[in-house]
């Protein structure tokens, strides 16, 4: 009998547990919507500031605004991941119960 757990199965169980965690306790759609909104505002703001500073060439201004907004996007995602990492408790009884119920569903032994 193989005692090593299948990595694909573990990944699938972890994904299911995280999905249940987010569905029950967090609101990722709201947070990601806010991240996208802030990213767009920063891109628009950077373009506006560069235009007011005298940079009238759209060929230079727009790529710089996009790069700046992208950097802000990555930073906001990083902050969100760290916040979620601090709130996530792998020993949460509800989460452990979900993992146990998933384990029973995955048990295909005769």
N, C-alpha and C. Protein backbone atom coordinates (compact mmCIF):
# COMPACT_ATOMS: atom_id res chain seq x y z
N UNK A 1 0.84 -1.19 0.00
CA UNK A 1 0.00 0.00 0.00
C UNK A 1 0.88 1.24 0.00
N UNK A 2 0.55 2.20 -0.83
CA UNK A 2 1.31 3.45 -0.95
C UNK A 2 0.86 4.43 0.13
N UNK A 3 1.79 4.85 0.99
CA UNK A 3 1.45 5.78 2.08
C UNK A 3 1.69 7.24 1.68
N UNK A 4 2.36 7.47 0.55
CA UNK A 4 2.60 8.84 0.11
C UNK A 4 1.34 9.39 -0.56
N UNK A 5 0.89 10.56 -0.11
CA UNK A 5 -0.31 11.14 -0.72
C UNK A 5 -0.03 11.62 -2.14
N UNK A 6 -1.02 11.51 -2.99
CA UNK A 6 -0.92 11.97 -4.37
C UNK A 6 -0.93 13.50 -4.38
N UNK A 7 0.12 14.14 -4.97
CA UNK A 7 0.18 15.61 -4.97
C UNK A 7 -1.01 16.25 -5.70
N UNK A 8 -1.48 15.64 -6.76
CA UNK A 8 -2.61 16.19 -7.48
C UNK A 8 -3.86 16.18 -6.61
N UNK A 9 -4.04 15.11 -5.88
CA UNK A 9 -5.19 15.00 -4.98
C UNK A 9 -5.09 16.01 -3.84
N UNK A 10 -3.89 16.16 -3.29
CA UNK A 10 -3.70 17.14 -2.21
C UNK A 10 -3.97 18.56 -2.71
N UNK A 11 -3.50 18.87 -3.91
CA UNK A 11 -3.71 20.19 -4.48
C UNK A 11 -5.21 20.43 -4.70
N UNK A 12 -5.89 19.42 -5.19
CA UNK A 12 -7.33 19.54 -5.42
C UNK A 12 -8.08 19.75 -4.11
N UNK A 13 -7.71 19.00 -3.07
CA UNK A 13 -8.35 19.16 -1.76
C UNK A 13 -8.06 20.54 -1.18
N UNK A 14 -6.84 21.01 -1.32
CA UNK A 14 -6.49 22.34 -0.81
C UNK A 14 -7.27 23.42 -1.56
N UNK A 15 -7.39 23.25 -2.87
CA UNK A 15 -8.14 24.22 -3.67
C UNK A 15 -9.60 24.25 -3.23
N UNK A 16 -10.19 23.07 -3.00
CA UNK A 16 -11.59 23.00 -2.55
C UNK A 16 -11.75 23.66 -1.16
N UNK A 17 -10.80 23.38 -0.27
CA UNK A 17 -10.87 23.96 1.08
C UNK A 17 -10.75 25.49 1.02
N UNK A 18 -9.85 25.99 0.19
CA UNK A 18 -9.70 27.44 0.06
C UNK A 18 -10.94 28.06 -0.57
N UNK A 19 -11.53 27.37 -1.53
CA UNK A 19 -12.76 27.87 -2.15
C UNK A 19 -13.87 27.99 -1.11
N UNK A 20 -14.01 26.97 -0.28
CA UNK A 20 -15.02 27.02 0.77
C UNK A 20 -14.71 28.12 1.79
N UNK A 21 -13.44 28.29 2.11
CA UNK A 21 -13.03 29.35 3.04
C UNK A 21 -13.43 30.72 2.49
N UNK A 22 -13.09 30.98 1.23
CA UNK A 22 -13.42 32.27 0.64
C UNK A 22 -14.92 32.47 0.50
N UNK A 23 -15.63 31.41 0.15
CA UNK A 23 -17.09 31.52 0.02
C UNK A 23 -17.76 31.85 1.35
N UNK A 24 -17.25 31.27 2.44
CA UNK A 24 -17.88 31.45 3.74
C UNK A 24 -17.42 32.70 4.49
N UNK A 25 -16.14 33.04 4.40
CA UNK A 25 -15.59 34.04 5.32
C UNK A 25 -15.03 35.30 4.67
N UNK A 26 -14.78 35.31 3.39
CA UNK A 26 -14.15 36.47 2.75
C UNK A 26 -14.96 36.90 1.53
N UNK A 27 -14.60 38.01 0.93
CA UNK A 27 -15.30 38.49 -0.26
C UNK A 27 -14.27 38.88 -1.33
N UNK A 28 -13.71 37.90 -2.02
CA UNK A 28 -12.66 38.20 -3.00
C UNK A 28 -13.15 39.03 -4.19
N UNK A 29 -14.41 38.88 -4.57
CA UNK A 29 -14.91 39.67 -5.71
C UNK A 29 -14.90 41.16 -5.37
N UNK A 30 -15.29 41.49 -4.17
CA UNK A 30 -15.28 42.89 -3.75
C UNK A 30 -13.85 43.42 -3.72
N UNK A 31 -12.95 42.67 -3.11
CA UNK A 31 -11.56 43.11 -2.97
C UNK A 31 -10.91 43.27 -4.35
N UNK A 32 -11.09 42.29 -5.22
CA UNK A 32 -10.48 42.38 -6.54
C UNK A 32 -11.13 43.47 -7.38
N UNK A 33 -12.42 43.70 -7.20
CA UNK A 33 -13.05 44.83 -7.88
C UNK A 33 -12.45 46.15 -7.43
N UNK A 34 -12.20 46.26 -6.14
CA UNK A 34 -11.56 47.46 -5.60
C UNK A 34 -10.14 47.61 -6.13
N UNK A 35 -9.41 46.51 -6.22
CA UNK A 35 -8.05 46.54 -6.76
C UNK A 35 -8.07 47.03 -8.21
N UNK A 36 -8.99 46.52 -9.00
CA UNK A 36 -9.07 46.93 -10.41
C UNK A 36 -9.47 48.41 -10.51
N UNK A 37 -10.41 48.83 -9.69
CA UNK A 37 -10.82 50.24 -9.69
C UNK A 37 -9.64 51.15 -9.34
N UNK A 38 -8.92 50.80 -8.29
CA UNK A 38 -7.76 51.62 -7.89
C UNK A 38 -6.68 51.62 -8.95
N UNK A 39 -6.48 50.47 -9.60
CA UNK A 39 -5.48 50.39 -10.67
C UNK A 39 -5.84 51.32 -11.82
N UNK A 40 -7.10 51.31 -12.22
CA UNK A 40 -7.54 52.20 -13.29
C UNK A 40 -7.41 53.67 -12.92
N UNK A 41 -7.78 53.99 -11.68
CA UNK A 41 -7.66 55.38 -11.22
C UNK A 41 -6.21 55.85 -11.20
N UNK A 42 -5.32 54.97 -10.78
CA UNK A 42 -3.89 55.33 -10.75
C UNK A 42 -3.38 55.54 -12.17
N UNK A 43 -3.76 54.65 -13.09
CA UNK A 43 -3.33 54.81 -14.49
C UNK A 43 -3.84 56.11 -15.07
N UNK A 44 -5.10 56.42 -14.85
CA UNK A 44 -5.67 57.68 -15.34
C UNK A 44 -4.97 58.87 -14.69
N UNK A 45 -4.77 58.77 -13.38
CA UNK A 45 -4.10 59.86 -12.66
C UNK A 45 -2.69 60.10 -13.13
N UNK A 46 -1.95 59.04 -13.37
CA UNK A 46 -0.57 59.19 -13.87
C UNK A 46 -0.56 59.86 -15.24
N UNK A 47 -1.47 59.43 -16.11
CA UNK A 47 -1.54 60.03 -17.44
C UNK A 47 -1.89 61.52 -17.34
N UNK A 48 -2.82 61.85 -16.47
CA UNK A 48 -3.24 63.24 -16.29
C UNK A 48 -2.09 64.10 -15.74
N UNK A 49 -1.40 63.57 -14.75
CA UNK A 49 -0.28 64.32 -14.15
C UNK A 49 0.82 64.54 -15.19
N UNK A 50 1.12 63.50 -15.97
CA UNK A 50 2.16 63.67 -17.00
C UNK A 50 1.72 64.67 -18.07
N UNK A 51 0.44 64.67 -18.42
CA UNK A 51 -0.06 65.63 -19.40
C UNK A 51 0.07 67.06 -18.85
N UNK A 52 -0.31 67.26 -17.59
CA UNK A 52 -0.20 68.58 -16.97
C UNK A 52 1.26 69.00 -16.79
N UNK A 53 2.15 68.03 -16.70
CA UNK A 53 3.58 68.34 -16.55
C UNK A 53 4.22 68.67 -17.90
N UNK A 54 3.43 68.55 -19.00
CA UNK A 54 3.96 68.95 -20.29
C UNK A 54 4.29 67.80 -21.23
N UNK A 55 4.06 66.57 -20.81
CA UNK A 55 4.33 65.43 -21.68
C UNK A 55 3.10 65.20 -22.57
N UNK A 56 3.12 65.76 -23.77
CA UNK A 56 1.95 65.70 -24.64
C UNK A 56 1.98 64.50 -25.57
N UNK A 57 3.08 63.82 -25.68
CA UNK A 57 3.18 62.66 -26.57
C UNK A 57 2.49 61.45 -25.95
N UNK A 58 1.37 61.04 -26.57
CA UNK A 58 0.63 59.89 -26.05
C UNK A 58 1.44 58.60 -26.17
N UNK A 59 2.32 58.54 -27.17
CA UNK A 59 3.15 57.35 -27.37
C UNK A 59 4.10 57.08 -26.22
N UNK A 60 4.42 58.09 -25.46
CA UNK A 60 5.28 57.94 -24.29
C UNK A 60 4.44 57.91 -23.01
N UNK A 61 3.46 58.82 -22.95
CA UNK A 61 2.66 58.98 -21.73
C UNK A 61 1.85 57.72 -21.40
N UNK A 62 1.16 57.15 -22.39
CA UNK A 62 0.30 56.00 -22.11
C UNK A 62 1.08 54.76 -21.64
N UNK A 63 2.17 54.39 -22.32
CA UNK A 63 2.92 53.22 -21.81
C UNK A 63 3.47 53.45 -20.39
N UNK A 64 3.89 54.67 -20.09
CA UNK A 64 4.37 54.95 -18.73
C UNK A 64 3.24 54.85 -17.71
N UNK A 65 2.05 55.35 -18.09
CA UNK A 65 0.89 55.26 -17.19
C UNK A 65 0.50 53.80 -16.98
N UNK A 66 0.55 53.00 -18.05
CA UNK A 66 0.20 51.58 -17.93
C UNK A 66 1.21 50.85 -17.06
N UNK A 67 2.48 51.13 -17.24
CA UNK A 67 3.50 50.49 -16.40
C UNK A 67 3.34 50.88 -14.93
N UNK A 68 3.06 52.14 -14.69
CA UNK A 68 2.84 52.59 -13.31
C UNK A 68 1.61 51.94 -12.69
N UNK A 69 0.53 51.87 -13.47
CA UNK A 69 -0.70 51.24 -12.97
C UNK A 69 -0.47 49.75 -12.74
N UNK A 70 0.29 49.11 -13.61
CA UNK A 70 0.57 47.68 -13.45
C UNK A 70 1.39 47.44 -12.17
N UNK A 71 2.34 48.30 -11.90
CA UNK A 71 3.13 48.17 -10.67
C UNK A 71 2.22 48.32 -9.44
N UNK A 72 1.28 49.26 -9.50
CA UNK A 72 0.34 49.43 -8.39
C UNK A 72 -0.55 48.19 -8.26
N UNK A 73 -1.00 47.65 -9.40
CA UNK A 73 -1.81 46.43 -9.39
C UNK A 73 -1.08 45.29 -8.70
N UNK A 74 0.17 45.06 -9.08
CA UNK A 74 0.94 43.98 -8.46
C UNK A 74 1.14 44.22 -6.97
N UNK A 75 1.38 45.47 -6.60
CA UNK A 75 1.53 45.80 -5.18
C UNK A 75 0.26 45.56 -4.39
N UNK A 76 -0.89 45.94 -4.96
CA UNK A 76 -2.16 45.72 -4.27
C UNK A 76 -2.48 44.23 -4.14
N UNK A 77 -2.18 43.46 -5.18
CA UNK A 77 -2.39 42.01 -5.10
C UNK A 77 -1.50 41.42 -4.01
N UNK A 78 -0.27 41.87 -3.95
CA UNK A 78 0.66 41.37 -2.93
C UNK A 78 0.14 41.69 -1.52
N UNK A 79 -0.36 42.90 -1.33
CA UNK A 79 -0.92 43.29 -0.03
C UNK A 79 -2.12 42.41 0.31
N UNK A 80 -3.00 42.19 -0.67
CA UNK A 80 -4.19 41.36 -0.45
C UNK A 80 -3.79 39.93 -0.06
N UNK A 81 -2.80 39.37 -0.75
CA UNK A 81 -2.34 38.02 -0.42
C UNK A 81 -1.81 37.96 1.00
N UNK A 82 -1.04 38.95 1.40
CA UNK A 82 -0.50 38.96 2.76
C UNK A 82 -1.60 39.10 3.81
N UNK A 83 -2.61 39.92 3.54
CA UNK A 83 -3.73 40.07 4.47
C UNK A 83 -4.47 38.74 4.60
N UNK A 84 -4.72 38.08 3.48
CA UNK A 84 -5.42 36.79 3.51
C UNK A 84 -4.58 35.73 4.21
N UNK A 85 -3.28 35.78 3.98
CA UNK A 85 -2.39 34.80 4.63
C UNK A 85 -2.45 34.95 6.15
N UNK A 86 -2.56 36.17 6.63
CA UNK A 86 -2.63 36.40 8.08
C UNK A 86 -3.97 35.97 8.66
N UNK A 87 -5.05 36.09 7.87
CA UNK A 87 -6.38 35.73 8.37
C UNK A 87 -6.68 34.24 8.24
N UNK A 88 -6.01 33.57 7.32
CA UNK A 88 -6.30 32.16 7.07
C UNK A 88 -5.74 31.31 8.20
N UNK A 89 -6.61 30.48 8.78
CA UNK A 89 -6.21 29.58 9.85
C UNK A 89 -6.39 28.13 9.37
N UNK A 90 -5.28 27.44 9.08
CA UNK A 90 -5.42 26.06 8.59
C UNK A 90 -5.98 25.10 9.64
N UNK A 91 -6.02 25.53 10.90
CA UNK A 91 -6.56 24.68 11.96
C UNK A 91 -8.01 25.02 12.29
N UNK A 92 -8.65 25.82 11.46
CA UNK A 92 -10.05 26.19 11.66
C UNK A 92 -10.91 24.92 11.63
N UNK A 93 -11.75 24.70 12.66
CA UNK A 93 -12.56 23.47 12.70
C UNK A 93 -13.47 23.28 11.48
N UNK A 94 -14.04 24.37 10.96
CA UNK A 94 -14.88 24.25 9.76
C UNK A 94 -14.06 23.79 8.56
N UNK A 95 -12.87 24.33 8.43
CA UNK A 95 -12.00 23.95 7.33
C UNK A 95 -11.58 22.49 7.44
N UNK A 96 -11.22 22.07 8.64
CA UNK A 96 -10.83 20.67 8.83
C UNK A 96 -12.00 19.73 8.54
N UNK A 97 -13.20 20.15 8.93
CA UNK A 97 -14.38 19.33 8.64
C UNK A 97 -14.61 19.22 7.13
N UNK A 98 -14.42 20.33 6.42
CA UNK A 98 -14.56 20.30 4.96
C UNK A 98 -13.53 19.38 4.33
N UNK A 99 -12.30 19.42 4.84
CA UNK A 99 -11.27 18.54 4.31
C UNK A 99 -11.60 17.07 4.58
N UNK A 100 -12.13 16.77 5.77
CA UNK A 100 -12.50 15.40 6.08
C UNK A 100 -13.63 14.92 5.19
N UNK A 101 -14.62 15.78 4.95
CA UNK A 101 -15.72 15.37 4.09
C UNK A 101 -15.24 15.18 2.66
N UNK A 102 -14.29 16.01 2.21
CA UNK A 102 -13.72 15.82 0.88
C UNK A 102 -12.93 14.53 0.81
N UNK A 103 -12.25 14.17 1.90
CA UNK A 103 -11.47 12.94 1.93
C UNK A 103 -12.39 11.73 1.78
N UNK A 104 -13.54 11.79 2.42
CA UNK A 104 -14.49 10.69 2.30
C UNK A 104 -14.99 10.59 0.86
N UNK A 105 -15.25 11.73 0.23
CA UNK A 105 -15.71 11.72 -1.16
C UNK A 105 -14.65 11.17 -2.09
N UNK A 106 -13.36 11.42 -1.80
CA UNK A 106 -12.27 10.95 -2.65
C UNK A 106 -11.92 9.49 -2.42
N UNK A 107 -12.40 8.91 -1.35
CA UNK A 107 -12.06 7.53 -1.02
C UNK A 107 -12.78 6.58 -1.97
N UNK A 108 -12.03 6.02 -2.94
CA UNK A 108 -12.63 5.12 -3.92
C UNK A 108 -12.15 3.70 -3.73
N UNK A 109 -11.75 3.37 -2.52
CA UNK A 109 -11.27 2.01 -2.28
C UNK A 109 -12.47 1.06 -2.21
N UNK A 110 -12.20 -0.21 -2.57
CA UNK A 110 -13.26 -1.21 -2.64
C UNK A 110 -13.69 -1.62 -1.27
